Protein backbone atom coordinates (compact mmCIF):
# COMPACT_ATOMS: atom_id res chain seq x y z
CA MET A 1 30.14 -4.53 5.81
CA GLY A 2 31.18 -6.90 8.41
CA THR A 3 29.41 -10.25 9.27
CA GLN A 4 28.74 -8.96 12.96
CA ALA A 5 24.99 -7.81 13.58
CA SER A 6 24.67 -4.33 14.69
CA SER A 7 22.66 -3.46 17.84
CA LEU A 8 19.74 -2.41 15.53
CA ASP A 9 19.49 -6.02 14.19
CA ASP A 10 18.59 -7.43 17.51
CA ASP A 11 14.86 -7.97 16.59
CA MET A 12 15.69 -9.92 13.41
CA PRO A 13 15.49 -13.62 14.02
CA GLY A 14 18.55 -15.64 12.98
CA GLU A 15 16.67 -18.27 11.06
CA ILE A 16 15.38 -15.80 8.31
CA ASP A 17 17.38 -16.56 5.19
CA PHE A 18 17.75 -13.66 2.77
CA SER A 19 20.46 -15.37 0.58
CA LYS A 20 18.02 -16.01 -2.33
CA GLY A 21 16.43 -12.29 -1.91
CA THR A 22 16.35 -9.86 -4.82
CA ARG A 23 17.56 -6.30 -3.89
CA GLY A 24 15.18 -3.81 -5.27
CA LYS A 25 12.50 -6.09 -6.40
CA PHE A 26 9.78 -3.57 -5.69
CA HIS A 27 11.75 -0.41 -6.06
CA GLN A 28 9.97 2.21 -8.42
CA PRO A 29 12.18 5.09 -9.35
CA GLY A 30 10.31 8.36 -8.89
CA ALA A 31 7.63 6.94 -6.82
CA LYS A 32 5.93 9.42 -4.56
CA LEU A 33 5.29 8.65 -0.89
CA SER A 34 2.21 10.45 0.64
CA LEU A 35 2.67 10.83 4.38
CA PRO A 36 -0.33 10.44 6.57
CA VAL A 37 -1.43 13.59 8.51
CA TYR A 38 -3.33 13.04 11.74
CA LEU A 39 -5.57 15.95 12.92
CA ASP A 40 -6.86 16.50 16.37
CA ASP A 41 -10.45 15.39 16.51
CA GLN A 42 -11.94 18.67 17.26
CA VAL A 43 -9.94 20.22 14.29
CA GLN A 44 -11.10 17.34 11.94
CA ALA A 45 -14.69 17.72 12.96
CA LYS A 46 -14.72 21.45 12.42
CA LEU A 47 -12.95 21.12 9.10
CA ALA A 48 -15.08 18.26 7.87
CA ALA A 49 -18.21 20.47 8.72
CA LEU A 50 -16.80 23.32 6.72
CA ALA A 51 -15.87 21.05 3.68
CA SER A 52 -19.24 19.55 3.76
CA ALA A 53 -21.00 22.85 3.85
CA LYS A 54 -18.86 23.90 0.79
CA GLY A 55 -19.48 20.70 -0.96
CA ILE A 56 -15.86 19.91 -1.11
CA GLU A 57 -13.53 16.98 0.00
CA LEU A 58 -11.86 17.52 3.40
CA SER A 59 -8.56 17.09 1.81
CA THR A 60 -9.26 19.78 -0.71
CA LEU A 61 -10.06 22.11 2.18
CA VAL A 62 -7.08 21.41 4.18
CA ASN A 63 -4.79 21.69 1.22
CA ASP A 64 -6.33 25.09 0.37
CA LEU A 65 -5.93 26.26 3.96
CA LEU A 66 -2.31 25.17 4.03
CA ARG A 67 -1.58 26.84 0.80
CA LYS A 68 -2.87 30.14 2.15
CA ASP A 69 -0.94 29.65 5.38
CA ILE A 70 2.33 29.00 3.31
CA GLU A 71 1.82 32.06 1.24
CA LEU A 72 1.33 34.10 4.40
CA MET A 73 4.48 32.82 5.89
CA GLU A 74 6.47 33.53 2.79
CA LEU A 75 5.21 37.10 2.57
CA SER A 76 5.97 37.72 6.13
CA ARG A 77 9.77 36.90 5.57
């Protein structure tokens, strides 16, 4: 790597010193990242009502619905 900053580094102040930093200090091999999923307000309200009526968590209902959709997509191939 060169010493010249790329255009992506434009927002990094020059006075920050990483010379005593430790690479990978917080790295955990095999760590799983759960991505947030944002639902439209109307969809979330409807699903929350359905989950509540069934006495289950919203995430459980959404996962069940997605599993069924995935299965249907795979069957239609």
